[in-house]
Amino acid sequence: MATLAELVTLFSDSGLRNRITAAAIVKAQTVLVDANAPAARKAWAETCLGNTAGTVELLFKYVLAASRAASLAAITGATDEVVQTAVNNAIDAVYPAEAV
């Protein structure tokens, strides 16, 4: 389990931040090409692509908090698939499709 102090050190982990950024961009692109995506979710995707830094800051903090049960090594060594899933879950929690 990552300690709070360890989680704070991850705020400056540019590699992890970059991976979360890429995962958010991938999710936004996926939403935009989904003909069945709700309009609110498409609006979120456009906002994400237009203001990626602002969106990622919130997602980065959410993902770290949601990953607190994992060790620091597990968080920093997570596969791309695990990072993408964590970001997708964060987006669903923070930006619900019906309330965006």
PDB file of N, CA and C in Angstrom:
ATOM      1  N   MET A   1       0.842  -1.178   0.000  1.00  0.00           N
ATOM      2  CA  MET A   1       0.000   0.000   0.000  1.00  0.00           C
ATOM      3  C   MET A   1       0.885   1.238   0.000  1.00  0.00           C
ATOM      4  N   ALA A   2       0.665   2.130  -0.947  1.00  0.00           N
ATOM      5  CA  ALA A   2       1.439   3.360  -1.027  1.00  0.00           C
ATOM      6  C   ALA A   2       1.032   4.290   0.112  1.00  0.00           C
ATOM      7  N   THR A   3       2.019   4.866   0.738  1.00  0.00           N
ATOM      8  CA  THR A   3       1.728   5.828   1.809  1.00  0.00           C
ATOM      9  C   THR A   3       1.319   7.157   1.177  1.00  0.00           C
ATOM     10  N   LEU A   4       0.734   8.011   1.985  1.00  0.00           N
ATOM     11  CA  LEU A   4       0.369   9.338   1.478  1.00  0.00           C
ATOM     12  C   LEU A   4       1.607  10.095   1.009  1.00  0.00           C
ATOM     13  N   ALA A   5       2.691   9.966   1.737  1.00  0.00           N
ATOM     14  CA  ALA A   5       3.932  10.637   1.340  1.00  0.00           C
ATOM     15  C   ALA A   5       4.424  10.116  -0.010  1.00  0.00           C
ATOM     16  N   GLU A   6       4.297   8.820  -0.229  1.00  0.00           N
ATOM     17  CA  GLU A   6       4.706   8.252  -1.517  1.00  0.00           C
ATOM     18  C   GLU A   6       3.804   8.742  -2.648  1.00  0.00           C
ATOM     19  N   LEU A   7       2.512   8.831  -2.380  1.00  0.00           N
ATOM     20  CA  LEU A   7       1.597   9.332  -3.406  1.00  0.00           C
ATOM     21  C   LEU A   7       1.953  10.764  -3.804  1.00  0.00           C
ATOM     22  N   VAL A   8       2.311  11.581  -2.815  1.00  0.00           N
ATOM     23  CA  VAL A   8       2.683  12.966  -3.112  1.00  0.00           C
ATOM     24  C   VAL A   8       3.941  13.015  -3.973  1.00  0.00           C
ATOM     25  N   THR A   9       4.876  12.105  -3.757  1.00  0.00           N
ATOM     26  CA  THR A   9       6.093  12.116  -4.584  1.00  0.00           C
ATOM     27  C   THR A   9       5.773  11.820  -6.043  1.00  0.00           C
ATOM     28  N   LEU A  10       4.682  11.106  -6.279  1.00  0.00           N
ATOM     29  CA  LEU A  10       4.308  10.776  -7.653  1.00  0.00           C
ATOM     30  C   LEU A  10       3.773  11.981  -8.425  1.00  0.00           C
ATOM     31  N   PHE A  11       3.390  13.054  -7.715  1.00  0.00           N
ATOM     32  CA  PHE A  11       2.931  14.261  -8.405  1.00  0.00           C
ATOM     33  C   PHE A  11       3.988  14.789  -9.355  1.00  0.00           C
ATOM     34  N   SER A  12       5.245  14.552  -9.047  1.00  0.00           N
ATOM     35  CA  SER A  12       6.326  15.053  -9.903  1.00  0.00           C
ATOM     36  C   SER A  12       6.870  13.985 -10.854  1.00  0.00           C
ATOM     37  N   ASP A  13       6.199  12.854 -10.944  1.00  0.00           N
ATOM     38  CA  ASP A  13       6.629  11.783 -11.837  1.00  0.00           C
ATOM     39  C   ASP A  13       6.142  12.091 -13.257  1.00  0.00           C
ATOM     40  N   SER A  14       7.011  12.694 -14.047  1.00  0.00           N
ATOM     41  CA  SER A  14       6.608  13.119 -15.390  1.00  0.00           C
ATOM     42  C   SER A  14       6.273  11.929 -16.291  1.00  0.00           C
ATOM     43  N   GLY A  15       6.933  10.810 -16.088  1.00  0.00           N
ATOM     44  CA  GLY A  15       6.635   9.627 -16.890  1.00  0.00           C
ATOM     45  C   GLY A  15       5.214   9.137 -16.664  1.00  0.00           C
ATOM     46  N   LEU A  16       4.812   9.058 -15.415  1.00  0.00           N
ATOM     47  CA  LEU A  16       3.457   8.623 -15.092  1.00  0.00           C
ATOM     48  C   LEU A  16       2.445   9.660 -15.575  1.00  0.00           C
ATOM     49  N   ARG A  17       2.752  10.922 -15.379  1.00  0.00           N
ATOM     50  CA  ARG A  17       1.856  11.991 -15.835  1.00  0.00           C
ATOM     51  C   ARG A  17       1.676  11.918 -17.359  1.00  0.00           C
ATOM     52  N   ASN A  18       2.758  11.682 -18.070  1.00  0.00           N
ATOM     53  CA  ASN A  18       2.677  11.578 -19.535  1.00  0.00           C
ATOM     54  C   ASN A  18       1.826  10.394 -19.963  1.00  0.00           C
ATOM     55  N   ARG A  19       1.934   9.284 -19.250  1.00  0.00           N
ATOM     56  CA  ARG A  19       1.137   8.107 -19.585  1.00  0.00           C
ATOM     57  C   ARG A  19      -0.339   8.360 -19.321  1.00  0.00           C
ATOM     58  N   ILE A  20      -0.652   9.068 -18.243  1.00  0.00           N
ATOM     59  CA  ILE A  20      -2.038   9.412 -17.941  1.00  0.00           C
ATOM     60  C   ILE A  20      -2.559  10.399 -18.983  1.00  0.00           C
ATOM     61  N   THR A  21      -1.717  11.321 -19.408  1.00  0.00           N
ATOM     62  CA  THR A  21      -2.097  12.263 -20.473  1.00  0.00           C
ATOM     63  C   THR A  21      -2.442  11.511 -21.750  1.00  0.00           C
ATOM     64  N   ALA A  22      -1.579  10.596 -22.144  1.00  0.00           N
ATOM     65  CA  ALA A  22      -1.822   9.821 -23.363  1.00  0.00           C
ATOM     66  C   ALA A  22      -3.106   9.006 -23.235  1.00  0.00           C
ATOM     67  N   ALA A  23      -3.341   8.418 -22.076  1.00  0.00           N
ATOM     68  CA  ALA A  23      -4.551   7.617 -21.872  1.00  0.00           C
ATOM     69  C   ALA A  23      -5.805   8.491 -21.969  1.00  0.00           C
ATOM     70  N   ALA A  24      -5.748   9.708 -21.457  1.00  0.00           N
ATOM     71  CA  ALA A  24      -6.893  10.619 -21.551  1.00  0.00           C
ATOM     72  C   ALA A  24      -7.164  10.994 -23.004  1.00  0.00           C
ATOM     73  N   ILE A  25      -6.103  11.246 -23.761  1.00  0.00           N
ATOM     74  CA  ILE A  25      -6.250  11.589 -25.177  1.00  0.00           C
ATOM     75  C   ILE A  25      -6.828  10.407 -25.956  1.00  0.00           C
ATOM     76  N   VAL A  26      -6.361   9.212 -25.653  1.00  0.00           N
ATOM     77  CA  VAL A  26      -6.893   8.011 -26.308  1.00  0.00           C
ATOM     78  C   VAL A  26      -8.386   7.868 -26.002  1.00  0.00           C
ATOM     79  N   LYS A  27      -8.760   8.053 -24.743  1.00  0.00           N
ATOM     80  CA  LYS A  27     -10.176   7.951 -24.364  1.00  0.00           C
ATOM     81  C   LYS A  27     -11.001   9.009 -25.096  1.00  0.00           C
ATOM     82  N   ALA A  28     -10.495  10.238 -25.180  1.00  0.00           N
ATOM     83  CA  ALA A  28     -11.219  11.306 -25.866  1.00  0.00           C
ATOM     84  C   ALA A  28     -11.425  10.959 -27.339  1.00  0.00           C
ATOM     85  N   GLN A  29     -10.389  10.462 -27.972  1.00  0.00           N
ATOM     86  CA  GLN A  29     -10.502  10.084 -29.387  1.00  0.00           C
ATOM     87  C   GLN A  29     -11.515   8.958 -29.559  1.00  0.00           C
ATOM     88  N   THR A  30     -11.494   7.998 -28.667  1.00  0.00           N
ATOM     89  CA  THR A  30     -12.424   6.874 -28.721  1.00  0.00           C
ATOM     90  C   THR A  30     -13.869   7.358 -28.604  1.00  0.00           C
ATOM     91  N   VAL A  31     -14.083   8.304 -27.720  1.00  0.00           N
ATOM     92  CA  VAL A  31     -15.431   8.858 -27.543  1.00  0.00           C
ATOM     93  C   VAL A  31     -15.877   9.590 -28.799  1.00  0.00           C
ATOM     94  N   LEU A  32     -14.989  10.387 -29.376  1.00  0.00           N
ATOM     95  CA  LEU A  32     -15.376  11.193 -30.540  1.00  0.00           C
ATOM     96  C   LEU A  32     -15.734  10.352 -31.760  1.00  0.00           C
ATOM     97  N   VAL A  33     -15.160   9.185 -31.902  1.00  0.00           N
ATOM     98  CA  VAL A  33     -15.484   8.348 -33.060  1.00  0.00           C
ATOM     99  C   VAL A  33     -16.626   7.365 -32.778  1.00  0.00           C
ATOM    100  N   ASP A  34     -17.119   7.358 -31.549  1.00  0.00           N
ATOM    101  CA  ASP A  34     -18.217   6.468 -31.170  1.00  0.00           C
ATOM    102  C   ASP A  34     -19.547   7.137 -31.520  1.00  0.00           C
ATOM    103  N   ALA A  35     -20.205   6.640 -32.536  1.00  0.00           N
ATOM    104  CA  ALA A  35     -21.474   7.229 -32.981  1.00  0.00           C
ATOM    105  C   ALA A  35     -22.542   7.169 -31.895  1.00  0.00           C
ATOM    106  N   ASN A  36     -22.409   6.252 -30.935  1.00  0.00           N
ATOM    107  CA  ASN A  36     -23.407   6.092 -29.882  1.00  0.00           C
ATOM    108  C   ASN A  36     -23.053   6.829 -28.597  1.00  0.00           C
ATOM    109  N   ALA A  37     -21.941   7.532 -28.571  1.00  0.00           N
ATOM    110  CA  ALA A  37     -21.556   8.248 -27.353  1.00  0.00           C
ATOM    111  C   ALA A  37     -22.530   9.400 -27.101  1.00  0.00           C
ATOM    112  N   PRO A  38     -22.948   9.577 -25.849  1.00  0.00           N
ATOM    113  CA  PRO A  38     -23.850  10.682 -25.534  1.00  0.00           C
ATOM    114  C   PRO A  38     -23.203  12.035 -25.859  1.00  0.00           C
ATOM    115  N   ALA A  39     -24.015  13.007 -26.172  1.00  0.00           N
ATOM    116  CA  ALA A  39     -23.516  14.343 -26.527  1.00  0.00           C
ATOM    117  C   ALA A  39     -22.662  14.928 -25.400  1.00  0.00           C
ATOM    118  N   ALA A  40     -23.066  14.683 -24.163  1.00  0.00           N
ATOM    119  CA  ALA A  40     -22.299  15.214 -23.036  1.00  0.00           C
ATOM    120  C   ALA A  40     -20.897  14.609 -22.982  1.00  0.00           C
ATOM    121  N   ARG A  41     -20.789  13.339 -23.297  1.00  0.00           N
ATOM    122  CA  ARG A  41     -19.470  12.700 -23.276  1.00  0.00           C
ATOM    123  C   ARG A  41     -18.629  13.214 -24.443  1.00  0.00           C
ATOM    124  N   LYS A  42     -19.251  13.466 -25.594  1.00  0.00           N
ATOM    125  CA  LYS A  42     -18.517  14.039 -26.731  1.00  0.00           C
ATOM    126  C   LYS A  42     -18.030  15.446 -26.390  1.00  0.00           C
ATOM    127  N   ALA A  43     -18.849  16.199 -25.667  1.00  0.00           N
ATOM    128  CA  ALA A  43     -18.439  17.540 -25.237  1.00  0.00           C
ATOM    129  C   ALA A  43     -17.236  17.441 -24.305  1.00  0.00           C
ATOM    130  N   TRP A  44     -17.244  16.449 -23.398  1.00  0.00           N
ATOM    131  CA  TRP A  44     -16.092  16.249 -22.528  1.00  0.00           C
ATOM    132  C   TRP A  44     -14.848  15.948 -23.365  1.00  0.00           C
ATOM    133  N   ALA A  45     -14.979  15.094 -24.351  1.00  0.00           N
ATOM    134  CA  ALA A  45     -13.836  14.702 -25.177  1.00  0.00           C
ATOM    135  C   ALA A  45     -13.252  15.906 -25.905  1.00  0.00           C
ATOM    136  N   GLU A  46     -14.102  16.753 -26.432  1.00  0.00           N
ATOM    137  CA  GLU A  46     -13.620  17.963 -27.104  1.00  0.00           C
ATOM    138  C   GLU A  46     -12.910  18.885 -26.131  1.00  0.00           C
ATOM    139  N   THR A  47     -13.449  19.008 -24.923  1.00  0.00           N
ATOM    140  CA  THR A  47     -12.809  19.823 -23.889  1.00  0.00           C
ATOM    141  C   THR A  47     -11.455  19.233 -23.511  1.00  0.00           C
ATOM    142  N   CYS A  48     -11.403  17.924 -23.389  1.00  0.00           N
ATOM    143  CA  CYS A  48     -10.148  17.255 -23.042  1.00  0.00           C
ATOM    144  C   CYS A  48      -9.077  17.536 -24.087  1.00  0.00           C
ATOM    145  N   LEU A  49      -9.432  17.420 -25.343  1.00  0.00           N
ATOM    146  CA  LEU A  49      -8.455  17.649 -26.404  1.00  0.00           C
ATOM    147  C   LEU A  49      -8.063  19.119 -26.491  1.00  0.00           C
ATOM    148  N   GLY A  50      -8.981  20.025 -26.154  1.00  0.00           N
ATOM    149  CA  GLY A  50      -8.690  21.452 -26.206  1.00  0.00           C
ATOM    150  C   GLY A  50      -7.947  21.965 -24.990  1.00  0.00           C
ATOM    151  N   ASN A  51      -8.133  21.311 -23.845  1.00  0.00           N
ATOM    152  CA  ASN A  51      -7.481  21.719 -22.602  1.00  0.00           C
ATOM    153  C   ASN A  51      -6.974  20.472 -21.883  1.00  0.00           C
ATOM    154  N   THR A  52      -6.087  19.780 -22.535  1.00  0.00           N
ATOM    155  CA  THR A  52      -5.609  18.504 -21.994  1.00  0.00           C
ATOM    156  C   THR A  52      -4.958  18.680 -20.624  1.00  0.00           C
ATOM    157  N   ALA A  53      -4.159  19.719 -20.446  1.00  0.00           N
ATOM    158  CA  ALA A  53      -3.453  19.910 -19.175  1.00  0.00           C
ATOM    159  C   ALA A  53      -4.423  20.038 -18.007  1.00  0.00           C
ATOM    160  N   GLY A  54      -5.479  20.810 -18.181  1.00  0.00           N
ATOM    161  CA  GLY A  54      -6.455  20.977 -17.103  1.00  0.00           C
ATOM    162  C   GLY A  54      -7.175  19.688 -16.776  1.00  0.00           C
ATOM    163  N   THR A  55      -7.554  18.963 -17.797  1.00  0.00           N
ATOM    164  CA  THR A  55      -8.243  17.689 -17.605  1.00  0.00           C
ATOM    165  C   THR A  55      -7.324  16.680 -16.931  1.00  0.00           C
ATOM    166  N   VAL A  56      -6.089  16.625 -17.389  1.00  0.00           N
ATOM    167  CA  VAL A  56      -5.158  15.623 -16.874  1.00  0.00           C
ATOM    168  C   VAL A  56      -4.798  15.889 -15.415  1.00  0.00           C
ATOM    169  N   GLU A  57      -4.700  17.122 -15.014  1.00  0.00           N
ATOM    170  CA  GLU A  57      -4.367  17.433 -13.618  1.00  0.00           C
ATOM    171  C   GLU A  57      -5.369  16.778 -12.676  1.00  0.00           C
ATOM    172  N   LEU A  58      -6.644  16.911 -12.995  1.00  0.00           N
ATOM    173  CA  LEU A  58      -7.679  16.312 -12.171  1.00  0.00           C
ATOM    174  C   LEU A  58      -7.626  14.787 -12.244  1.00  0.00           C
ATOM    175  N   LEU A  59      -7.489  14.247 -13.445  1.00  0.00           N
ATOM    176  CA  LEU A  59      -7.435  12.791 -13.616  1.00  0.00           C
ATOM    177  C   LEU A  59      -6.220  12.194 -12.923  1.00  0.00           C
ATOM    178  N   PHE A  60      -5.083  12.877 -13.007  1.00  0.00           N
ATOM    179  CA  PHE A  60      -3.847  12.400 -12.386  1.00  0.00           C
ATOM    180  C   PHE A  60      -4.052  12.223 -10.880  1.00  0.00           C
ATOM    181  N   LYS A  61      -4.638  13.216 -10.253  1.00  0.00           N
ATOM    182  CA  LYS A  61      -4.882  13.145  -8.806  1.00  0.00           C
ATOM    183  C   LYS A  61      -5.885  12.040  -8.473  1.00  0.00           C
ATOM    184  N   TYR A  62      -6.917  11.916  -9.285  1.00  0.00           N
ATOM    185  CA  TYR A  62      -7.917  10.880  -9.051  1.00  0.00           C
ATOM    186  C   TYR A  62      -7.291   9.489  -9.166  1.00  0.00           C
ATOM    187  N   VAL A  63      -6.527   9.279 -10.222  1.00  0.00           N
ATOM    188  CA  VAL A  63      -5.905   7.968 -10.441  1.00  0.00           C
ATOM    189  C   VAL A  63      -4.962   7.627  -9.289  1.00  0.00           C
ATOM    190  N   LEU A  64      -4.177   8.590  -8.830  1.00  0.00           N
ATOM    191  CA  LEU A  64      -3.278   8.321  -7.703  1.00  0.00           C
ATOM    192  C   LEU A  64      -4.067   7.943  -6.459  1.00  0.00           C
ATOM    193  N   ALA A  65      -5.115   8.691  -6.162  1.00  0.00           N
ATOM    194  CA  ALA A  65      -5.922   8.375  -4.980  1.00  0.00           C
ATOM    195  C   ALA A  65      -6.582   7.008  -5.114  1.00  0.00           C
ATOM    196  N   ALA A  66      -7.080   6.700  -6.291  1.00  0.00           N
ATOM    197  CA  ALA A  66      -7.746   5.414  -6.510  1.00  0.00           C
ATOM    198  C   ALA A  66      -6.763   4.243  -6.471  1.00  0.00           C
ATOM    199  N   SER A  67      -5.482   4.528  -6.680  1.00  0.00           N
ATOM    200  CA  SER A  67      -4.450   3.481  -6.708  1.00  0.00           C
ATOM    201  C   SER A  67      -3.747   3.312  -5.370  1.00  0.00           C
ATOM    202  N   ARG A  68      -4.215   3.975  -4.347  1.00  0.00           N
ATOM    203  CA  ARG A  68      -3.509   3.993  -3.063  1.00  0.00           C
ATOM    204  C   ARG A  68      -3.329   2.621  -2.429  1.00  0.00           C
ATOM    205  N   ALA A  69      -4.153   1.649  -2.776  1.00  0.00           N
ATOM    206  CA  ALA A  69      -4.012   0.311  -2.198  1.00  0.00           C
ATOM    207  C   ALA A  69      -2.831  -0.446  -2.794  1.00  0.00           C
ATOM    208  N   ALA A  70      -2.320   0.031  -3.926  1.00  0.00           N
ATOM    209  CA  ALA A  70      -1.179  -0.618  -4.581  1.00  0.00           C
ATOM    210  C   ALA A  70       0.121  -0.061  -4.005  1.00  0.00           C
ATOM    211  N   SER A  71       1.181  -0.806  -4.189  1.00  0.00           N
ATOM    212  CA  SER A  71       2.489  -0.317  -3.752  1.00  0.00           C
ATOM    213  C   SER A  71       2.995   0.742  -4.730  1.00  0.00           C
ATOM    214  N   LEU A  72       3.960   1.520  -4.282  1.00  0.00           N
ATOM    215  CA  LEU A  72       4.557   2.533  -5.146  1.00  0.00           C
ATOM    216  C   LEU A  72       5.122   1.880  -6.405  1.00  0.00           C
ATOM    217  N   ALA A  73       5.782   0.733  -6.231  1.00  0.00           N
ATOM    218  CA  ALA A  73       6.356   0.014  -7.375  1.00  0.00           C
ATOM    219  C   ALA A  73       5.275  -0.445  -8.348  1.00  0.00           C
ATOM    220  N   ALA A  74       4.144  -0.886  -7.825  1.00  0.00           N
ATOM    221  CA  ALA A  74       3.049  -1.329  -8.697  1.00  0.00           C
ATOM    222  C   ALA A  74       2.457  -0.156  -9.468  1.00  0.00           C
ATOM    223  N   ILE A  75       2.355   0.994  -8.819  1.00  0.00           N
ATOM    224  CA  ILE A  75       1.798   2.170  -9.489  1.00  0.00           C
ATOM    225  C   ILE A  75       2.731   2.633 -10.601  1.00  0.00           C
ATOM    226  N   THR A  76       4.001   2.790 -10.284  1.00  0.00           N
ATOM    227  CA  THR A  76       4.946   3.303 -11.289  1.00  0.00           C
ATOM    228  C   THR A  76       5.250   2.269 -12.371  1.00  0.00           C
ATOM    229  N   GLY A  77       5.073   0.993 -12.061  1.00  0.00           N
ATOM    230  CA  GLY A  77       5.355  -0.062 -13.028  1.00  0.00           C
ATOM    231  C   GLY A  77       4.129  -0.592 -13.743  1.00  0.00           C
ATOM    232  N   ALA A  78       3.013   0.088 -13.587  1.00  0.00           N
ATOM    233  CA  ALA A  78       1.769  -0.374 -14.202  1.00  0.00           C
ATOM    234  C   ALA A  78       1.903  -0.423 -15.722  1.00  0.00           C
ATOM    235  N   THR A  79       1.287  -1.427 -16.312  1.00  0.00           N
ATOM    236  CA  THR A  79       1.299  -1.553 -17.771  1.00  0.00           C
ATOM    237  C   THR A  79       0.420  -0.454 -18.375  1.00  0.00           C
ATOM    238  N   ASP A  80       0.594  -0.241 -19.670  1.00  0.00           N
ATOM    239  CA  ASP A  80      -0.248   0.733 -20.361  1.00  0.00           C
ATOM    240  C   ASP A  80      -1.715   0.374 -20.235  1.00  0.00           C
ATOM    241  N   GLU A  81      -2.027  -0.906 -20.295  1.00  0.00           N
ATOM    242  CA  GLU A  81      -3.415  -1.354 -20.166  1.00  0.00           C
ATOM    243  C   GLU A  81      -3.991  -0.990 -18.805  1.00  0.00           C
ATOM    244  N   VAL A  82      -3.211  -1.176 -17.757  1.00  0.00           N
ATOM    245  CA  VAL A  82      -3.666  -0.834 -16.401  1.00  0.00           C
ATOM    246  C   VAL A  82      -3.865   0.672 -16.277  1.00  0.00           C
ATOM    247  N   VAL A  83      -2.945   1.455 -16.825  1.00  0.00           N
ATOM    248  CA  VAL A  83      -3.074   2.913 -16.786  1.00  0.00           C
ATOM    249  C   VAL A  83      -4.316   3.350 -17.559  1.00  0.00           C
ATOM    250  N   GLN A  84      -4.528   2.790 -18.744  1.00  0.00           N
ATOM    251  CA  GLN A  84      -5.700   3.162 -19.540  1.00  0.00           C
ATOM    252  C   GLN A  84      -6.987   2.842 -18.794  1.00  0.00           C
ATOM    253  N   THR A  85      -7.050   1.680 -18.174  1.00  0.00           N
ATOM    254  CA  THR A  85      -8.237   1.294 -17.406  1.00  0.00           C
ATOM    255  C   THR A  85      -8.455   2.245 -16.240  1.00  0.00           C
ATOM    256  N   ALA A  86      -7.388   2.601 -15.545  1.00  0.00           N
ATOM    257  CA  ALA A  86      -7.496   3.528 -14.412  1.00  0.00           C
ATOM    258  C   ALA A  86      -8.006   4.892 -14.874  1.00  0.00           C
ATOM    259  N   VAL A  87      -7.498   5.365 -16.003  1.00  0.00           N
ATOM    260  CA  VAL A  87      -7.942   6.653 -16.538  1.00  0.00           C
ATOM    261  C   VAL A  87      -9.394   6.563 -17.009  1.00  0.00           C
ATOM    262  N   ASN A  88      -9.752   5.501 -17.697  1.00  0.00           N
ATOM    263  CA  ASN A  88     -11.144   5.323 -18.128  1.00  0.00           C
ATOM    264  C   ASN A  88     -12.089   5.335 -16.927  1.00  0.00           C
ATOM    265  N   ASN A  89     -11.706   4.640 -15.858  1.00  0.00           N
ATOM    266  CA  ASN A  89     -12.527   4.605 -14.649  1.00  0.00           C
ATOM    267  C   ASN A  89     -12.620   5.986 -14.014  1.00  0.00           C
ATOM    268  N   ALA A  90     -11.511   6.720 -14.022  1.00  0.00           N
ATOM    269  CA  ALA A  90     -11.511   8.075 -13.470  1.00  0.00           C
ATOM    270  C   ALA A  90     -12.437   8.980 -14.266  1.00  0.00           C
ATOM    271  N   ILE A  91     -12.375   8.879 -15.574  1.00  0.00           N
ATOM    272  CA  ILE A  91     -13.237   9.700 -16.443  1.00  0.00           C
ATOM    273  C   ILE A  91     -14.708   9.373 -16.170  1.00  0.00           C
ATOM    274  N   ASP A  92     -15.022   8.108 -16.067  1.00  0.00           N
ATOM    275  CA  ASP A  92     -16.410   7.709 -15.791  1.00  0.00           C
ATOM    276  C   ASP A  92     -16.891   8.241 -14.442  1.00  0.00           C
ATOM    277  N   ALA A  93     -16.001   8.280 -13.447  1.00  0.00           N
ATOM    278  CA  ALA A  93     -16.372   8.755 -12.116  1.00  0.00           C
ATOM    279  C   ALA A  93     -16.454  10.279 -12.036  1.00  0.00           C
ATOM    280  N   VAL A  94     -15.500  10.951 -12.636  1.00  0.00           N
ATOM    281  CA  VAL A  94     -15.398  12.412 -12.506  1.00  0.00           C
ATOM    282  C   VAL A  94     -16.266  13.135 -13.539  1.00  0.00           C
ATOM    283  N   TYR A  95     -16.381  12.550 -14.709  1.00  0.00           N
ATOM    284  CA  TYR A  95     -17.142  13.165 -15.802  1.00  0.00           C
ATOM    285  C   TYR A  95     -18.226  12.197 -16.290  1.00  0.00           C
ATOM    286  N   PRO A  96     -19.246  11.939 -15.485  1.00  0.00           N
ATOM    287  CA  PRO A  96     -20.293  11.011 -15.922  1.00  0.00           C
ATOM    288  C   PRO A  96     -20.910  11.499 -17.240  1.00  0.00           C
ATOM    289  N   ALA A  97     -21.175  10.586 -18.136  1.00  0.00           N
ATOM    290  CA  ALA A  97     -21.672  10.935 -19.466  1.00  0.00           C
ATOM    291  C   ALA A  97     -22.951  11.759 -19.415  1.00  0.00           C
ATOM    292  N   GLU A  98     -23.814  11.448 -18.481  1.00  0.00           N
ATOM    293  CA  GLU A  98     -25.098  12.159 -18.443  1.00  0.00           C
ATOM    294  C   GLU A  98     -25.021  13.499 -17.727  1.00  0.00           C
ATOM    295  N   ALA A  99     -23.898  13.797 -17.072  1.00  0.00           N
ATOM    296  CA  ALA A  99     -23.822  15.036 -16.289  1.00  0.00           C
ATOM    297  C   ALA A  99     -22.726  15.981 -16.758  1.00  0.00           C
ATOM    298  N   VAL A 100     -22.052  15.646 -17.859  1.00  0.00           N
ATOM    299  CA  VAL A 100     -20.938  16.484 -18.307  1.00  0.00           C
ATOM    300  C   VAL A 100     -21.451  17.810 -18.794  1.00  0.00           C
TER     301      VAL A 100
END
